[in-house]
Amino acid sequence: MLYVGGMERNTFLYRCPTTGHKVQGLVPANARSTDDAGYESITCLACNGVHLVNPRSGRVLGAAAKPDVIC
């Protein structure tokens, strides 16, 4: 758990499908994707693109490779 601007945030790792780098993502602690089917739009710090990522599984929508998740 991380506090940014007075708000609780959960951190997670996912692999950027563009660069292949592992990237840390932040979502609000009350994010709506609390199940394995929910995705959040994340601005990627590696490629400055936007990806749809499931914070619980680390899966990127449309990516071919298996996700690497470290919680």
N, C-alpha and C. Protein backbone atom coordinates (compact mmCIF):
# COMPACT_ATOMS: atom_id res chain seq x y z
N MET A 1 0.85 -1.17 0.00
CA MET A 1 0.00 0.00 0.00
C MET A 1 0.90 1.24 0.00
N LEU A 2 0.53 2.22 -0.77
CA LEU A 2 1.29 3.45 -0.91
C LEU A 2 0.32 4.61 -0.80
N TYR A 3 0.76 5.70 -0.19
CA TYR A 3 -0.08 6.90 -0.09
C TYR A 3 0.47 7.96 -1.02
N VAL A 4 -0.34 8.37 -2.00
CA VAL A 4 0.05 9.39 -2.97
C VAL A 4 -1.01 10.48 -2.94
N GLY A 5 -0.61 11.68 -2.63
CA GLY A 5 -1.55 12.79 -2.60
C GLY A 5 -2.68 12.57 -1.61
N GLY A 6 -2.41 11.89 -0.50
CA GLY A 6 -3.41 11.64 0.51
C GLY A 6 -4.37 10.51 0.18
N MET A 7 -4.12 9.80 -0.92
CA MET A 7 -4.98 8.68 -1.32
C MET A 7 -4.21 7.38 -1.22
N GLU A 8 -4.90 6.32 -0.78
CA GLU A 8 -4.28 5.00 -0.74
C GLU A 8 -4.17 4.46 -2.16
N ARG A 9 -3.02 3.88 -2.48
CA ARG A 9 -2.80 3.28 -3.80
C ARG A 9 -2.21 1.89 -3.61
N ASN A 10 -2.60 0.97 -4.46
CA ASN A 10 -1.99 -0.36 -4.49
C ASN A 10 -1.00 -0.40 -5.64
N THR A 11 0.14 -1.01 -5.41
CA THR A 11 1.14 -1.14 -6.45
C THR A 11 1.15 -2.57 -6.97
N PHE A 12 1.55 -2.74 -8.22
CA PHE A 12 1.67 -4.06 -8.83
C PHE A 12 2.66 -3.97 -9.98
N LEU A 13 3.15 -5.11 -10.45
CA LEU A 13 4.07 -5.15 -11.58
C LEU A 13 3.40 -5.86 -12.75
N TYR A 14 3.71 -5.38 -13.95
CA TYR A 14 3.26 -6.02 -15.17
C TYR A 14 4.36 -5.85 -16.21
N ARG A 15 4.28 -6.61 -17.29
CA ARG A 15 5.27 -6.50 -18.35
C ARG A 15 4.68 -5.67 -19.50
N CYS A 16 5.40 -4.62 -19.89
CA CYS A 16 4.97 -3.76 -21.00
C CYS A 16 5.05 -4.57 -22.29
N PRO A 17 3.94 -4.67 -23.03
CA PRO A 17 3.98 -5.45 -24.28
C PRO A 17 4.79 -4.77 -25.39
N THR A 18 5.05 -3.49 -25.27
CA THR A 18 5.81 -2.76 -26.29
C THR A 18 7.31 -2.92 -26.10
N THR A 19 7.79 -2.72 -24.85
CA THR A 19 9.22 -2.76 -24.59
C THR A 19 9.69 -4.07 -23.99
N GLY A 20 8.78 -4.82 -23.35
CA GLY A 20 9.16 -6.05 -22.67
C GLY A 20 9.70 -5.84 -21.27
N HIS A 21 9.75 -4.59 -20.81
CA HIS A 21 10.26 -4.29 -19.48
C HIS A 21 9.18 -4.52 -18.42
N LYS A 22 9.63 -4.86 -17.20
CA LYS A 22 8.71 -4.92 -16.08
C LYS A 22 8.45 -3.50 -15.61
N VAL A 23 7.19 -3.18 -15.36
CA VAL A 23 6.79 -1.82 -15.01
C VAL A 23 5.91 -1.87 -13.76
N GLN A 24 6.11 -0.91 -12.86
CA GLN A 24 5.26 -0.81 -11.67
C GLN A 24 4.06 0.04 -12.00
N GLY A 25 2.89 -0.44 -11.65
CA GLY A 25 1.65 0.30 -11.84
C GLY A 25 1.04 0.68 -10.51
N LEU A 26 0.23 1.72 -10.52
CA LEU A 26 -0.49 2.19 -9.34
C LEU A 26 -1.97 2.27 -9.66
N VAL A 27 -2.80 1.77 -8.76
CA VAL A 27 -4.24 1.91 -8.88
C VAL A 27 -4.79 2.34 -7.54
N PRO A 28 -5.90 3.07 -7.52
CA PRO A 28 -6.52 3.42 -6.25
C PRO A 28 -6.87 2.16 -5.46
N ALA A 29 -6.78 2.25 -4.14
CA ALA A 29 -7.06 1.09 -3.29
C ALA A 29 -8.49 0.60 -3.49
N ASN A 30 -9.39 1.48 -3.89
CA ASN A 30 -10.78 1.09 -4.11
C ASN A 30 -11.08 0.87 -5.59
N ALA A 31 -10.06 0.45 -6.36
CA ALA A 31 -10.24 0.23 -7.80
C ALA A 31 -11.33 -0.80 -8.05
N ARG A 32 -12.03 -0.63 -9.15
CA ARG A 32 -13.17 -1.50 -9.44
C ARG A 32 -12.75 -2.89 -9.91
N SER A 33 -11.49 -3.07 -10.29
CA SER A 33 -11.05 -4.38 -10.79
C SER A 33 -10.59 -5.25 -9.62
N THR A 34 -11.54 -5.72 -8.86
CA THR A 34 -11.22 -6.56 -7.71
C THR A 34 -11.32 -8.04 -8.04
N ASP A 35 -11.66 -8.38 -9.27
CA ASP A 35 -11.71 -9.78 -9.66
C ASP A 35 -10.74 -10.00 -10.82
N ASP A 36 -10.61 -11.25 -11.25
CA ASP A 36 -9.66 -11.56 -12.31
C ASP A 36 -10.12 -11.10 -13.69
N ALA A 37 -11.36 -10.64 -13.83
CA ALA A 37 -11.86 -10.20 -15.13
C ALA A 37 -11.80 -8.69 -15.31
N GLY A 38 -11.43 -7.93 -14.28
CA GLY A 38 -11.42 -6.47 -14.36
C GLY A 38 -10.09 -5.91 -14.80
N TYR A 39 -10.14 -4.91 -15.67
CA TYR A 39 -8.93 -4.26 -16.18
C TYR A 39 -8.99 -2.77 -15.88
N GLU A 40 -7.81 -2.17 -15.68
CA GLU A 40 -7.67 -0.73 -15.45
C GLU A 40 -6.80 -0.16 -16.56
N SER A 41 -7.11 1.06 -17.00
CA SER A 41 -6.23 1.72 -17.97
C SER A 41 -5.06 2.32 -17.20
N ILE A 42 -3.86 1.98 -17.64
CA ILE A 42 -2.63 2.39 -16.97
C ILE A 42 -1.73 3.09 -17.97
N THR A 43 -1.23 4.26 -17.62
CA THR A 43 -0.22 4.93 -18.45
C THR A 43 1.12 4.30 -18.12
N CYS A 44 1.72 3.70 -19.12
CA CYS A 44 2.96 2.93 -18.95
C CYS A 44 4.16 3.87 -18.82
N LEU A 45 4.97 3.63 -17.79
CA LEU A 45 6.16 4.45 -17.58
C LEU A 45 7.30 4.06 -18.51
N ALA A 46 7.21 2.88 -19.13
CA ALA A 46 8.27 2.43 -20.03
C ALA A 46 8.11 2.97 -21.44
N CYS A 47 6.87 3.02 -21.95
CA CYS A 47 6.68 3.43 -23.34
C CYS A 47 5.76 4.65 -23.49
N ASN A 48 5.24 5.17 -22.38
CA ASN A 48 4.30 6.30 -22.37
C ASN A 48 3.00 6.00 -23.09
N GLY A 49 2.72 4.74 -23.36
CA GLY A 49 1.46 4.35 -23.95
C GLY A 49 0.45 4.03 -22.86
N VAL A 50 -0.74 3.67 -23.27
CA VAL A 50 -1.79 3.28 -22.33
C VAL A 50 -2.10 1.81 -22.56
N HIS A 51 -2.09 1.03 -21.48
CA HIS A 51 -2.40 -0.39 -21.55
C HIS A 51 -3.58 -0.69 -20.64
N LEU A 52 -4.36 -1.69 -20.98
CA LEU A 52 -5.39 -2.20 -20.10
C LEU A 52 -4.79 -3.37 -19.34
N VAL A 53 -4.64 -3.20 -18.02
CA VAL A 53 -3.95 -4.17 -17.18
C VAL A 53 -4.86 -4.62 -16.06
N ASN A 54 -4.83 -5.91 -15.77
CA ASN A 54 -5.51 -6.44 -14.61
C ASN A 54 -4.53 -6.39 -13.45
N PRO A 55 -4.76 -5.52 -12.45
CA PRO A 55 -3.82 -5.38 -11.34
C PRO A 55 -3.64 -6.64 -10.51
N ARG A 56 -4.64 -7.49 -10.45
CA ARG A 56 -4.53 -8.72 -9.65
C ARG A 56 -3.69 -9.78 -10.33
N SER A 57 -3.79 -9.89 -11.65
CA SER A 57 -3.05 -10.94 -12.35
C SER A 57 -1.82 -10.42 -13.09
N GLY A 58 -1.75 -9.10 -13.35
CA GLY A 58 -0.66 -8.53 -14.12
C GLY A 58 -0.83 -8.73 -15.62
N ARG A 59 -1.95 -9.31 -16.03
CA ARG A 59 -2.20 -9.58 -17.44
C ARG A 59 -2.54 -8.29 -18.18
N VAL A 60 -1.92 -8.11 -19.35
CA VAL A 60 -2.19 -6.96 -20.21
C VAL A 60 -3.11 -7.42 -21.33
N LEU A 61 -4.22 -6.74 -21.50
CA LEU A 61 -5.19 -7.10 -22.52
C LEU A 61 -4.55 -7.00 -23.90
N GLY A 62 -4.60 -8.07 -24.66
CA GLY A 62 -4.03 -8.09 -26.01
C GLY A 62 -2.59 -8.53 -26.07
N ALA A 63 -1.91 -8.74 -24.94
CA ALA A 63 -0.52 -9.17 -24.94
C ALA A 63 -0.47 -10.68 -25.14
N ALA A 64 0.55 -11.15 -25.88
CA ALA A 64 0.66 -12.57 -26.20
C ALA A 64 1.39 -13.36 -25.13
N ALA A 65 2.33 -12.73 -24.43
CA ALA A 65 3.17 -13.44 -23.47
C ALA A 65 2.45 -13.64 -22.14
N LYS A 66 2.94 -14.63 -21.37
CA LYS A 66 2.42 -14.86 -20.03
C LYS A 66 2.85 -13.71 -19.13
N PRO A 67 2.00 -13.26 -18.22
CA PRO A 67 2.37 -12.15 -17.34
C PRO A 67 3.32 -12.58 -16.24
N ASP A 68 4.16 -11.66 -15.82
CA ASP A 68 5.01 -11.85 -14.66
C ASP A 68 4.43 -10.98 -13.55
N VAL A 69 3.99 -11.60 -12.47
CA VAL A 69 3.36 -10.85 -11.38
C VAL A 69 4.20 -11.01 -10.12
N ILE A 70 4.51 -9.90 -9.51
CA ILE A 70 5.18 -9.90 -8.21
C ILE A 70 4.35 -9.00 -7.31
N CYS A 71 3.74 -9.57 -6.31
CA CYS A 71 2.90 -8.78 -5.41
C CYS A 71 3.58 -8.52 -4.10
